[in-house]
Amino acid sequence: MDSKELLSNDNTKSSKIDEEARQEYKKSTEQIRADMEEQKKNAIGDEKAIFELLELRRKNRISYRRSNVFYEDVPKDHLHHQTYEQRLAKAAQLNGCGFKEAKPFKKPFSSREHHGTDNHIGWCDGQIVGIRRAPFWGGFCFLWFILCVYMLFFSVVNVVFFWEFSYAYLIPVSILGPMAVHKVWEWGAWIDKIEFNRHTGLVRMPFSFLRRRFYVPIEDIELCEGPVVQAARGGGEMATGSLVLTKYPKRYWFRPTITVFGGMEQEHWASIVRFMDISEPIDMDVHATIEEHFKKDKNAMGTGPFPESMKKYLDAEDKQINRFEVW
């Protein structure tokens, strides 16, 4: 048998395998579709509402495609289109001083490359990602909450066991106190957030007792992952991590290191770096949180309305993204 016949036999076998694979894929797709229809038919309560919402979103996307809005090009003038040097100079101008190089860090930095499939990044309105650092304002409010609990315990013990009513007024105060503390915490929650701004390419660091907010380009921030903290008796685990600056404002004697509340893993950090890259659109995993902020008319920091520059990517009536790509 010559080489041509062997090649012909190989092509025939390959085509048969491809055809079998296509048929198998078609059967599995039809089976999945049939299972979904069966689940939809038998759904009740919240599950039924979810299916109805998914169906509504599907119909909306079809209408966007048919109206040609889906693939329409929109201006990208809201993005910075600046080099690293230009953004570094802009950050120095906003800070009121130049930058200095930090000493080499003792621990290795996490990779900035994204290798996973999950691109969820937290609070995001399409312009800003807000990441909460380890408690500062939140810790202050938590101490007040503990004080309210202590006052309630102290006043109840005095009334029940000692019939001492001189502290009875603390009971309503300690009950209403946690609600007031929660409102105060909501009002000042932005103080603890690190602001990653895709439109400027800059990151604004949060306040501390001895440091005001300052700006730094995303290229000068690295993630240093810490150990994974496990709860007692196998209850769960939590990653730890800090954002380390390779450049920082000259007015500070020591390099600021920001500990992230709840920790941060490499995949989460890489997703934020990808979000800040204006050479590619925002990942579809982020679209849901953009729509959520649009419905509430709030930005990711919770300090103002939804950014005007991002409204062109959403349908005003459906409150749903109506574009193929979001920049």
C-alpha atoms as a PDB file:
ATOM      1  CA  MET A   1       0.000   0.000   0.000  1.00  0.00           C
ATOM      2  CA  ASP A   2       1.554   3.315  -1.070  1.00  0.00           C
ATOM      3  CA  SER A   3       1.626   6.565   0.867  1.00  0.00           C
ATOM      4  CA  LYS A   4      -1.362   8.053  -1.015  1.00  0.00           C
ATOM      5  CA  GLU A   5      -3.635   5.180   0.002  1.00  0.00           C
ATOM      6  CA  LEU A   6      -2.460   5.422   3.617  1.00  0.00           C
ATOM      7  CA  LEU A   7      -3.140   9.155   3.624  1.00  0.00           C
ATOM      8  CA  SER A   8      -6.594   8.567   2.095  1.00  0.00           C
ATOM      9  CA  ASN A   9      -7.438   5.972   4.776  1.00  0.00           C
ATOM     10  CA  ASP A  10      -6.267   8.309   7.535  1.00  0.00           C
ATOM     11  CA  ASN A  11      -8.432  11.136   6.173  1.00  0.00           C
ATOM     12  CA  THR A  12     -11.449   8.802   5.982  1.00  0.00           C
ATOM     13  CA  LYS A  13     -10.961   7.681   9.594  1.00  0.00           C
ATOM     14  CA  SER A  14     -10.482  11.272  10.717  1.00  0.00           C
ATOM     15  CA  SER A  15     -13.671  12.421   8.977  1.00  0.00           C
ATOM     16  CA  LYS A  16     -15.619   9.545  10.577  1.00  0.00           C
ATOM     17  CA  ILE A  17     -14.301  10.480  14.021  1.00  0.00           C
ATOM     18  CA  ASP A  18     -15.207  14.150  13.430  1.00  0.00           C
ATOM     19  CA  GLU A  19     -18.709  13.183  12.305  1.00  0.00           C
ATOM     20  CA  GLU A  20     -19.193  10.979  15.372  1.00  0.00           C
ATOM     21  CA  ALA A  21     -17.979  13.791  17.620  1.00  0.00           C
ATOM     22  CA  ARG A  22     -20.414  16.232  15.991  1.00  0.00           C
ATOM     23  CA  GLN A  23     -23.306  13.827  16.418  1.00  0.00           C
ATOM     24  CA  GLU A  24     -22.363  13.221  20.058  1.00  0.00           C
ATOM     25  CA  TYR A  25     -22.146  16.971  20.696  1.00  0.00           C
ATOM     26  CA  LYS A  26     -25.525  17.506  19.016  1.00  0.00           C
ATOM     27  CA  LYS A  27     -27.124  14.788  21.160  1.00  0.00           C
ATOM     28  CA  SER A  28     -25.613  16.179  24.370  1.00  0.00           C
ATOM     29  CA  THR A  29     -26.754  19.713  23.473  1.00  0.00           C
ATOM     30  CA  GLU A  30     -30.280  18.519  22.753  1.00  0.00           C
ATOM     31  CA  GLN A  31     -30.296  16.554  26.015  1.00  0.00           C
ATOM     32  CA  ILE A  32     -29.164  19.595  28.007  1.00  0.00           C
ATOM     33  CA  ARG A  33     -31.825  21.717  26.318  1.00  0.00           C
ATOM     34  CA  ALA A  34     -34.506  19.124  27.088  1.00  0.00           C
ATOM     35  CA  ASP A  35     -33.390  18.932  30.729  1.00  0.00           C
ATOM     36  CA  MET A  36     -33.518  22.724  31.023  1.00  0.00           C
ATOM     37  CA  GLU A  37     -37.032  22.814  29.566  1.00  0.00           C
ATOM     38  CA  GLU A  38     -38.112  20.150  32.041  1.00  0.00           C
ATOM     39  CA  GLN A  39     -36.634  22.089  34.964  1.00  0.00           C
ATOM     40  CA  LYS A  40     -38.282  25.286  33.742  1.00  0.00           C
ATOM     41  CA  LYS A  41     -41.661  23.547  33.490  1.00  0.00           C
ATOM     42  CA  ASN A  42     -41.431  22.162  37.043  1.00  0.00           C
ATOM     43  CA  ALA A  43     -39.896  25.271  38.634  1.00  0.00           C
ATOM     44  CA  ILE A  44     -41.779  27.094  41.390  1.00  0.00           C
ATOM     45  CA  GLY A  45     -41.147  30.131  43.585  1.00  0.00           C
ATOM     46  CA  ASP A  46     -37.680  31.686  43.407  1.00  0.00           C
ATOM     47  CA  GLU A  47     -36.443  29.086  40.925  1.00  0.00           C
ATOM     48  CA  LYS A  48     -39.262  29.979  38.531  1.00  0.00           C
ATOM     49  CA  ALA A  49     -38.432  33.687  38.881  1.00  0.00           C
ATOM     50  CA  ILE A  50     -34.798  32.953  37.974  1.00  0.00           C
ATOM     51  CA  PHE A  51     -35.835  31.068  34.829  1.00  0.00           C
ATOM     52  CA  GLU A  52     -38.155  33.926  33.852  1.00  0.00           C
ATOM     53  CA  LEU A  53     -35.355  36.448  34.357  1.00  0.00           C
ATOM     54  CA  LEU A  54     -32.958  34.385  32.224  1.00  0.00           C
ATOM     55  CA  GLU A  55     -35.586  34.104  29.487  1.00  0.00           C
ATOM     56  CA  LEU A  56     -36.185  37.860  29.585  1.00  0.00           C
ATOM     57  CA  ARG A  57     -32.449  38.564  29.323  1.00  0.00           C
ATOM     58  CA  ARG A  58     -32.181  36.171  26.370  1.00  0.00           C
ATOM     59  CA  LYS A  59     -35.020  37.920  24.532  1.00  0.00           C
ATOM     60  CA  ASN A  60     -33.464  41.307  25.244  1.00  0.00           C
ATOM     61  CA  ARG A  61     -30.130  40.213  23.764  1.00  0.00           C
ATOM     62  CA  ILE A  62     -31.901  38.950  20.632  1.00  0.00           C
ATOM     63  CA  SER A  63     -33.630  42.321  20.238  1.00  0.00           C
ATOM     64  CA  TYR A  64     -30.293  44.146  20.655  1.00  0.00           C
ATOM     65  CA  ARG A  65     -28.737  42.016  17.907  1.00  0.00           C
ATOM     66  CA  ARG A  66     -31.642  42.609  15.519  1.00  0.00           C
ATOM     67  CA  SER A  67     -31.557  46.369  16.060  1.00  0.00           C
ATOM     68  CA  ASN A  68     -27.807  46.490  15.205  1.00  0.00           C
ATOM     69  CA  VAL A  69     -27.102  48.216  18.538  1.00  0.00           C
ATOM     70  CA  PHE A  70     -25.227  45.139  19.719  1.00  0.00           C
ATOM     71  CA  TYR A  71     -22.299  45.547  17.294  1.00  0.00           C
ATOM     72  CA  GLU A  72     -22.378  49.325  16.932  1.00  0.00           C
ATOM     73  CA  ASP A  73     -19.039  51.045  17.516  1.00  0.00           C
ATOM     74  CA  VAL A  74     -19.121  53.658  20.266  1.00  0.00           C
ATOM     75  CA  PRO A  75     -16.403  56.221  21.078  1.00  0.00           C
ATOM     76  CA  LYS A  76     -13.697  55.179  23.551  1.00  0.00           C
ATOM     77  CA  ASP A  77     -12.665  58.702  24.444  1.00  0.00           C
ATOM     78  CA  HIS A  78     -13.399  58.008  28.121  1.00  0.00           C
ATOM     79  CA  LEU A  79     -10.233  55.853  28.309  1.00  0.00           C
ATOM     80  CA  HIS A  80      -6.925  57.535  29.130  1.00  0.00           C
ATOM     81  CA  HIS A  81      -4.795  56.401  26.104  1.00  0.00           C
ATOM     82  CA  GLN A  82      -1.658  57.523  27.974  1.00  0.00           C
ATOM     83  CA  THR A  83       1.744  55.937  28.417  1.00  0.00           C
ATOM     84  CA  TYR A  84       3.034  54.809  31.796  1.00  0.00           C
ATOM     85  CA  GLU A  85       5.331  57.861  32.003  1.00  0.00           C
ATOM     86  CA  GLN A  86       2.431  60.237  31.366  1.00  0.00           C
ATOM     87  CA  ARG A  87       0.300  58.593  34.038  1.00  0.00           C
ATOM     88  CA  LEU A  88       3.202  58.609  36.506  1.00  0.00           C
ATOM     89  CA  ALA A  89       3.588  62.362  35.939  1.00  0.00           C
ATOM     90  CA  LYS A  90      -0.171  62.822  36.394  1.00  0.00           C
ATOM     91  CA  ALA A  91      -0.069  60.889  39.684  1.00  0.00           C
ATOM     92  CA  ALA A  92       2.852  63.030  40.893  1.00  0.00           C
ATOM     93  CA  GLN A  93       0.860  66.164  40.039  1.00  0.00           C
ATOM     94  CA  LEU A  94      -2.190  64.921  41.951  1.00  0.00           C
ATOM     95  CA  ASN A  95      -0.053  63.892  44.945  1.00  0.00           C
ATOM     96  CA  GLY A  96       1.838  67.170  45.044  1.00  0.00           C
ATOM     97  CA  CYS A  97       5.237  65.432  45.027  1.00  0.00           C
ATOM     98  CA  GLY A  98       7.342  63.051  42.956  1.00  0.00           C
ATOM     99  CA  PHE A  99       7.969  59.345  43.408  1.00  0.00           C
ATOM    100  CA  LYS A 100      10.913  57.373  44.730  1.00  0.00           C
ATOM    101  CA  GLU A 101      11.902  53.773  44.109  1.00  0.00           C
ATOM    102  CA  ALA A 102      11.173  51.325  46.892  1.00  0.00           C
ATOM    103  CA  LYS A 103      13.763  48.889  48.181  1.00  0.00           C
ATOM    104  CA  PRO A 104      13.495  45.303  46.906  1.00  0.00           C
ATOM    105  CA  PHE A 105      10.783  43.379  48.714  1.00  0.00           C
ATOM    106  CA  LYS A 106      11.834  40.305  50.687  1.00  0.00           C
ATOM    107  CA  LYS A 107       9.002  38.065  49.455  1.00  0.00           C
ATOM    108  CA  PRO A 108       8.193  37.195  45.829  1.00  0.00           C
ATOM    109  CA  PHE A 109       5.306  38.901  44.058  1.00  0.00           C
ATOM    110  CA  SER A 110       2.365  37.065  42.548  1.00  0.00           C
ATOM    111  CA  SER A 111       2.074  36.733  38.786  1.00  0.00           C
ATOM    112  CA  ARG A 112       0.026  39.357  36.950  1.00  0.00           C
ATOM    113  CA  GLU A 113      -0.930  36.852  34.238  1.00  0.00           C
ATOM    114  CA  HIS A 114      -4.447  35.421  34.335  1.00  0.00           C
ATOM    115  CA  HIS A 115      -4.541  31.635  33.920  1.00  0.00           C
ATOM    116  CA  GLY A 116      -7.992  30.760  35.278  1.00  0.00           C
ATOM    117  CA  THR A 117     -11.548  31.153  34.016  1.00  0.00           C
ATOM    118  CA  ASP A 118     -13.000  33.304  36.814  1.00  0.00           C
ATOM    119  CA  ASN A 119     -12.794  37.074  36.210  1.00  0.00           C
ATOM    120  CA  HIS A 120     -15.052  38.379  38.989  1.00  0.00           C
ATOM    121  CA  ILE A 121     -13.387  41.360  40.648  1.00  0.00           C
ATOM    122  CA  GLY A 122     -15.812  42.763  43.243  1.00  0.00           C
ATOM    123  CA  TRP A 123     -17.586  46.131  43.233  1.00  0.00           C
ATOM    124  CA  CYS A 124     -17.309  47.479  39.694  1.00  0.00           C
ATOM    125  CA  ASP A 125     -19.260  50.060  37.689  1.00  0.00           C
ATOM    126  CA  GLY A 126     -17.178  49.729  34.522  1.00  0.00           C
ATOM    127  CA  GLN A 127     -14.961  52.678  35.424  1.00  0.00           C
ATOM    128  CA  ILE A 128     -13.840  51.832  38.949  1.00  0.00           C
ATOM    129  CA  VAL A 129     -13.199  48.689  40.955  1.00  0.00           C
ATOM    130  CA  GLY A 130     -13.453  49.218  44.698  1.00  0.00           C
ATOM    131  CA  ILE A 131     -11.503  46.782  46.902  1.00  0.00           C
ATOM    132  CA  ARG A 132     -11.774  47.022  50.685  1.00  0.00           C
ATOM    133  CA  ARG A 133      -8.545  47.108  52.657  1.00  0.00           C
ATOM    134  CA  ALA A 134      -8.165  45.675  56.170  1.00  0.00           C
ATOM    135  CA  PRO A 135     -10.479  47.463  58.635  1.00  0.00           C
ATOM    136  CA  PHE A 136      -9.826  51.090  59.456  1.00  0.00           C
ATOM    137  CA  TRP A 137     -13.208  52.783  59.330  1.00  0.00           C
ATOM    138  CA  GLY A 138     -14.893  49.380  59.550  1.00  0.00           C
ATOM    139  CA  GLY A 139     -12.799  48.480  62.603  1.00  0.00           C
ATOM    140  CA  PHE A 140     -13.736  51.753  64.284  1.00  0.00           C
ATOM    141  CA  CYS A 141     -17.452  51.045  63.706  1.00  0.00           C
ATOM    142  CA  PHE A 142     -17.031  47.473  64.937  1.00  0.00           C
ATOM    143  CA  LEU A 143     -15.614  48.737  68.251  1.00  0.00           C
ATOM    144  CA  TRP A 144     -18.690  50.926  68.698  1.00  0.00           C
ATOM    145  CA  PHE A 145     -20.887  47.906  67.946  1.00  0.00           C
ATOM    146  CA  ILE A 146     -19.109  45.888  70.664  1.00  0.00           C
ATOM    147  CA  LEU A 147     -19.607  48.807  73.064  1.00  0.00           C
ATOM    148  CA  CYS A 148     -23.365  48.790  72.344  1.00  0.00           C
ATOM    149  CA  VAL A 149     -23.542  45.046  73.019  1.00  0.00           C
ATOM    150  CA  TYR A 150     -21.666  45.520  76.293  1.00  0.00           C
ATOM    151  CA  MET A 151     -24.028  48.330  77.362  1.00  0.00           C
ATOM    152  CA  LEU A 152     -27.044  46.131  76.631  1.00  0.00           C
ATOM    153  CA  PHE A 153     -25.602  43.245  78.655  1.00  0.00           C
ATOM    154  CA  PHE A 154     -24.619  45.537  81.552  1.00  0.00           C
ATOM    155  CA  SER A 155     -28.006  47.284  81.765  1.00  0.00           C
ATOM    156  CA  VAL A 156     -30.038  44.044  81.477  1.00  0.00           C
ATOM    157  CA  VAL A 157     -27.982  42.353  84.228  1.00  0.00           C
ATOM    158  CA  ASN A 158     -28.488  45.348  86.539  1.00  0.00           C
ATOM    159  CA  VAL A 159     -32.249  45.383  85.980  1.00  0.00           C
ATOM    160  CA  VAL A 160     -32.873  41.610  86.140  1.00  0.00           C
ATOM    161  CA  PHE A 161     -30.535  40.553  88.939  1.00  0.00           C
ATOM    162  CA  PHE A 162     -30.080  43.683  91.066  1.00  0.00           C
ATOM    163  CA  TRP A 163     -33.274  45.626  90.374  1.00  0.00           C
ATOM    164  CA  GLU A 164     -31.109  48.628  89.636  1.00  0.00           C
ATOM    165  CA  PHE A 165     -32.973  50.869  87.158  1.00  0.00           C
ATOM    166  CA  SER A 166     -30.550  53.785  87.056  1.00  0.00           C
ATOM    167  CA  TYR A 167     -28.960  52.315  83.912  1.00  0.00           C
ATOM    168  CA  ALA A 168     -32.241  51.227  82.297  1.00  0.00           C
ATOM    169  CA  TYR A 169     -31.992  54.078  79.771  1.00  0.00           C
ATOM    170  CA  LEU A 170     -29.030  52.228  78.235  1.00  0.00           C
ATOM    171  CA  ILE A 171     -31.305  49.422  76.999  1.00  0.00           C
ATOM    172  CA  PRO A 172     -32.996  51.405  74.178  1.00  0.00           C
ATOM    173  CA  VAL A 173     -29.713  53.198  73.461  1.00  0.00           C
ATOM    174  CA  SER A 174     -27.830  49.908  73.078  1.00  0.00           C
ATOM    175  CA  ILE A 175     -30.609  48.447  70.884  1.00  0.00           C
ATOM    176  CA  LEU A 176     -30.747  51.446  68.540  1.00  0.00           C
ATOM    177  CA  GLY A 177     -26.966  51.896  68.693  1.00  0.00           C
ATOM    178  CA  PRO A 178     -26.013  49.036  66.314  1.00  0.00           C
ATOM    179  CA  MET A 179     -28.478  50.325  63.703  1.00  0.00           C
ATOM    180  CA  ALA A 180     -26.949  53.792  63.957  1.00  0.00           C
ATOM    181  CA  VAL A 181     -23.437  52.308  63.753  1.00  0.00           C
ATOM    182  CA  HIS A 182     -24.447  50.375  60.620  1.00  0.00           C
ATOM    183  CA  LYS A 183     -25.692  53.589  58.978  1.00  0.00           C
ATOM    184  CA  VAL A 184     -22.486  55.404  59.927  1.00  0.00           C
ATOM    185  CA  TRP A 185     -20.441  52.500  58.534  1.00  0.00           C
ATOM    186  CA  GLU A 186     -22.381  52.617  55.237  1.00  0.00           C
ATOM    187  CA  TRP A 187     -21.835  56.377  55.005  1.00  0.00           C
ATOM    188  CA  GLY A 188     -18.066  56.086  55.453  1.00  0.00           C
ATOM    189  CA  ALA A 189     -17.418  52.694  53.802  1.00  0.00           C
ATOM    190  CA  TRP A 190     -15.631  54.417  50.893  1.00  0.00           C
ATOM    191  CA  ILE A 191     -12.827  55.422  53.286  1.00  0.00           C
ATOM    192  CA  ASP A 192     -11.633  51.797  53.395  1.00  0.00           C
ATOM    193  CA  LYS A 193     -11.785  51.191  49.624  1.00  0.00           C
ATOM    194  CA  ILE A 194      -8.855  51.077  47.219  1.00  0.00           C
ATOM    195  CA  GLU A 195      -9.969  52.715  43.962  1.00  0.00           C
ATOM    196  CA  PHE A 196      -8.775  51.132  40.701  1.00  0.00           C
ATOM    197  CA  ASN A 197      -9.763  53.572  37.932  1.00  0.00           C
ATOM    198  CA  ARG A 198      -9.714  52.034  34.429  1.00  0.00           C
ATOM    199  CA  HIS A 199     -10.403  55.382  32.757  1.00  0.00           C
ATOM    200  CA  THR A 200      -7.284  57.052  34.206  1.00  0.00           C
ATOM    201  CA  GLY A 201      -5.015  54.026  34.660  1.00  0.00           C
ATOM    202  CA  LEU A 202      -4.354  55.173  38.232  1.00  0.00           C
ATOM    203  CA  VAL A 203      -5.064  53.629  41.624  1.00  0.00           C
ATOM    204  CA  ARG A 204      -6.060  55.794  44.584  1.00  0.00           C
ATOM    205  CA  MET A 205      -4.931  54.419  47.932  1.00  0.00           C
ATOM    206  CA  PRO A 206      -7.109  54.838  51.057  1.00  0.00           C
ATOM    207  CA  PHE A 207      -6.654  57.008  54.135  1.00  0.00           C
ATOM    208  CA  SER A 208      -4.862  55.955  57.289  1.00  0.00           C
ATOM    209  CA  PHE A 209      -4.218  57.720  60.615  1.00  0.00           C
ATOM    210  CA  LEU A 210      -0.914  59.149  59.384  1.00  0.00           C
ATOM    211  CA  ARG A 211      -1.387  59.183  55.625  1.00  0.00           C
ATOM    212  CA  ARG A 212      -3.793  60.882  53.283  1.00  0.00           C
ATOM    213  CA  ARG A 213      -4.956  59.374  49.996  1.00  0.00           C
ATOM    214  CA  PHE A 214      -2.517  59.283  47.091  1.00  0.00           C
ATOM    215  CA  TYR A 215      -2.357  58.052  43.492  1.00  0.00           C
ATOM    216  CA  VAL A 216      -0.049  55.545  41.845  1.00  0.00           C
ATOM    217  CA  PRO A 217      -0.056  53.842  38.398  1.00  0.00           C
ATOM    218  CA  ILE A 218      -1.261  50.236  38.324  1.00  0.00           C
ATOM    219  CA  GLU A 219       2.168  49.135  37.036  1.00  0.00           C
ATOM    220  CA  ASP A 220       3.769  50.150  40.355  1.00  0.00           C
ATOM    221  CA  ILE A 221       1.574  47.885  42.493  1.00  0.00           C
ATOM    222  CA  GLU A 222       2.250  44.203  43.128  1.00  0.00           C
ATOM    223  CA  LEU A 223       0.475  41.538  45.140  1.00  0.00           C
ATOM    224  CA  CYS A 224       2.291  39.603  47.840  1.00  0.00           C
ATOM    225  CA  GLU A 225       0.242  36.584  48.879  1.00  0.00           C
ATOM    226  CA  GLY A 226       0.395  35.543  52.515  1.00  0.00           C
ATOM    227  CA  PRO A 227      -0.431  32.225  54.167  1.00  0.00           C
ATOM    228  CA  VAL A 228      -3.922  30.755  54.026  1.00  0.00           C
ATOM    229  CA  VAL A 229      -5.556  31.072  57.461  1.00  0.00           C
ATOM    230  CA  GLN A 230      -7.727  28.098  58.371  1.00  0.00           C
ATOM    231  CA  ALA A 231     -10.584  28.239  60.872  1.00  0.00           C
ATOM    232  CA  ALA A 232     -10.671  25.944  63.876  1.00  0.00           C
ATOM    233  CA  ARG A 233     -12.157  22.455  63.484  1.00  0.00           C
ATOM    234  CA  GLY A 234     -12.074  22.614  59.703  1.00  0.00           C
ATOM    235  CA  GLY A 235     -14.591  25.455  59.504  1.00  0.00           C
ATOM    236  CA  GLY A 236     -13.081  27.122  56.434  1.00  0.00           C
ATOM    237  CA  GLU A 237     -10.103  29.056  55.188  1.00  0.00           C
ATOM    238  CA  MET A 238      -9.225  32.598  54.133  1.00  0.00           C
ATOM    239  CA  ALA A 239      -6.384  33.824  51.958  1.00  0.00           C
ATOM    240  CA  THR A 240      -4.229  36.728  53.128  1.00  0.00           C
ATOM    241  CA  GLY A 241      -2.485  39.225  50.925  1.00  0.00           C
ATOM    242  CA  SER A 242      -1.065  42.740  50.724  1.00  0.00           C
ATOM    243  CA  LEU A 243      -0.585  45.251  47.927  1.00  0.00           C
ATOM    244  CA  VAL A 244       3.051  46.345  47.812  1.00  0.00           C
ATOM    245  CA  LEU A 245       4.261  49.491  46.026  1.00  0.00           C
ATOM    246  CA  THR A 246       7.411  49.472  43.919  1.00  0.00           C
ATOM    247  CA  LYS A 247       7.258  53.301  43.779  1.00  0.00           C
ATOM    248  CA  TYR A 248       5.679  55.602  46.352  1.00  0.00           C
ATOM    249  CA  PRO A 249       5.446  59.381  47.026  1.00  0.00           C
ATOM    250  CA  LYS A 250       8.646  61.015  48.249  1.00  0.00           C
ATOM    251  CA  ARG A 251       6.980  62.630  51.251  1.00  0.00           C
ATOM    252  CA  TYR A 252       6.633  59.257  52.992  1.00  0.00           C
ATOM    253  CA  TRP A 253       9.610  57.864  54.885  1.00  0.00           C
ATOM    254  CA  PHE A 254       8.506  54.262  54.587  1.00  0.00           C
ATOM    255  CA  ARG A 255       6.857  52.289  51.832  1.00  0.00           C
ATOM    256  CA  PRO A 256       3.063  52.028  52.397  1.00  0.00           C
ATOM    257  CA  THR A 257       1.790  48.442  52.301  1.00  0.00           C
ATOM    258  CA  ILE A 258      -1.973  47.950  52.046  1.00  0.00           C
ATOM    259  CA  THR A 259      -3.465  44.795  53.554  1.00  0.00           C
ATOM    260  CA  VAL A 260      -6.571  43.656  51.671  1.00  0.00           C
ATOM    261  CA  PHE A 261      -9.648  42.825  53.753  1.00  0.00           C
ATOM    262  CA  GLY A 262     -10.422  39.121  53.423  1.00  0.00           C
ATOM    263  CA  GLY A 263      -7.166  38.564  51.568  1.00  0.00           C
ATOM    264  CA  MET A 264      -6.554  38.398  47.840  1.00  0.00           C
ATOM    265  CA  GLU A 265      -5.497  35.505  45.642  1.00  0.00           C
ATOM    266  CA  GLN A 266      -3.432  35.595  42.462  1.00  0.00           C
ATOM    267  CA  GLU A 267      -6.428  35.004  40.189  1.00  0.00           C
ATOM    268  CA  HIS A 268      -8.350  37.898  41.744  1.00  0.00           C
ATOM    269  CA  TRP A 269      -5.345  40.205  41.391  1.00  0.00           C
ATOM    270  CA  ALA A 270      -4.774  39.148  37.762  1.00  0.00           C
ATOM    271  CA  SER A 271      -8.459  39.882  37.019  1.00  0.00           C
ATOM    272  CA  ILE A 272      -8.031  43.425  38.369  1.00  0.00           C
ATOM    273  CA  VAL A 273      -4.877  43.918  36.289  1.00  0.00           C
ATOM    274  CA  ARG A 274      -6.797  42.698  33.223  1.00  0.00           C
ATOM    275  CA  PHE A 275      -9.619  45.145  34.011  1.00  0.00           C
ATOM    276  CA  MET A 276      -7.109  48.017  34.100  1.00  0.00           C
ATOM    277  CA  ASP A 277      -5.711  47.035  30.673  1.00  0.00           C
ATOM    278  CA  ILE A 278      -7.477  49.314  28.157  1.00  0.00           C
ATOM    279  CA  SER A 279      -6.199  47.298  25.173  1.00  0.00           C
ATOM    280  CA  GLU A 280      -8.968  44.735  25.749  1.00  0.00           C
ATOM    281  CA  PRO A 281     -12.671  45.004  26.648  1.00  0.00           C
ATOM    282  CA  ILE A 282     -14.068  44.361  30.106  1.00  0.00           C
ATOM    283  CA  ASP A 283     -14.619  40.658  30.702  1.00  0.00           C
ATOM    284  CA  MET A 284     -18.196  39.364  30.571  1.00  0.00           C
ATOM    285  CA  ASP A 285     -17.924  38.108  34.170  1.00  0.00           C
ATOM    286  CA  VAL A 286     -17.910  41.763  35.255  1.00  0.00           C
ATOM    287  CA  HIS A 287     -21.061  42.737  33.325  1.00  0.00           C
ATOM    288  CA  ALA A 288     -23.437  41.607  36.089  1.00  0.00           C
ATOM    289  CA  THR A 289     -21.960  43.924  38.725  1.00  0.00           C
ATOM    290  CA  ILE A 290     -21.959  46.825  36.214  1.00  0.00           C
ATOM    291  CA  GLU A 291     -25.684  46.265  35.633  1.00  0.00           C
ATOM    292  CA  GLU A 292     -26.282  46.081  39.381  1.00  0.00           C
ATOM    293  CA  HIS A 293     -24.642  49.470  39.954  1.00  0.00           C
ATOM    294  CA  PHE A 294     -26.582  50.924  37.005  1.00  0.00           C
ATOM    295  CA  LYS A 295     -29.891  49.785  38.538  1.00  0.00           C
ATOM    296  CA  LYS A 296     -28.977  51.412  41.864  1.00  0.00           C
ATOM    297  CA  ASP A 297     -27.508  54.487  40.109  1.00  0.00           C
ATOM    298  CA  LYS A 298     -24.423  54.216  42.319  1.00  0.00           C
ATOM    299  CA  ASN A 299     -20.730  54.150  41.497  1.00  0.00           C
ATOM    300  CA  ALA A 300     -18.445  51.418  42.813  1.00  0.00           C
ATOM    301  CA  MET A 301     -17.209  53.587  45.690  1.00  0.00           C
ATOM    302  CA  GLY A 302     -20.755  54.395  46.822  1.00  0.00           C
ATOM    303  CA  THR A 303     -20.019  58.127  46.778  1.00  0.00           C
ATOM    304  CA  GLY A 304     -22.021  59.258  43.760  1.00  0.00           C
ATOM    305  CA  PRO A 305     -24.193  58.304  40.775  1.00  0.00           C
ATOM    306  CA  PHE A 306     -23.363  55.736  38.115  1.00  0.00           C
ATOM    307  CA  PRO A 307     -20.659  57.095  35.737  1.00  0.00           C
ATOM    308  CA  GLU A 308     -22.124  58.862  32.682  1.00  0.00           C
ATOM    309  CA  SER A 309     -19.401  57.498  30.396  1.00  0.00           C
ATOM    310  CA  MET A 310     -20.621  53.918  30.939  1.00  0.00           C
ATOM    311  CA  LYS A 311     -24.336  54.528  30.333  1.00  0.00           C
ATOM    312  CA  LYS A 312     -23.889  54.193  26.550  1.00  0.00           C
ATOM    313  CA  TYR A 313     -23.255  50.462  27.052  1.00  0.00           C
ATOM    314  CA  LEU A 314     -26.586  49.821  28.823  1.00  0.00           C
ATOM    315  CA  ASP A 315     -30.244  49.889  27.849  1.00  0.00           C
ATOM    316  CA  ALA A 316     -32.039  52.505  29.942  1.00  0.00           C
ATOM    317  CA  GLU A 317     -35.314  50.539  30.157  1.00  0.00           C
ATOM    318  CA  ASP A 318     -34.040  46.967  30.523  1.00  0.00           C
ATOM    319  CA  LYS A 319     -31.126  47.944  32.813  1.00  0.00           C
ATOM    320  CA  GLN A 320     -29.058  45.457  30.821  1.00  0.00           C
ATOM    321  CA  ILE A 321     -25.836  45.693  28.799  1.00  0.00           C
ATOM    322  CA  ASN A 322     -26.809  45.931  25.130  1.00  0.00           C
ATOM    323  CA  ARG A 323     -23.345  45.870  23.514  1.00  0.00           C
ATOM    324  CA  PHE A 324     -21.141  43.044  22.331  1.00  0.00           C
ATOM    325  CA  GLU A 325     -18.102  44.627  23.998  1.00  0.00           C
ATOM    326  CA  VAL A 326     -17.866  46.986  26.960  1.00  0.00           C
ATOM    327  CA  TRP A 327     -14.844  49.268  27.070  1.00  0.00           C
END
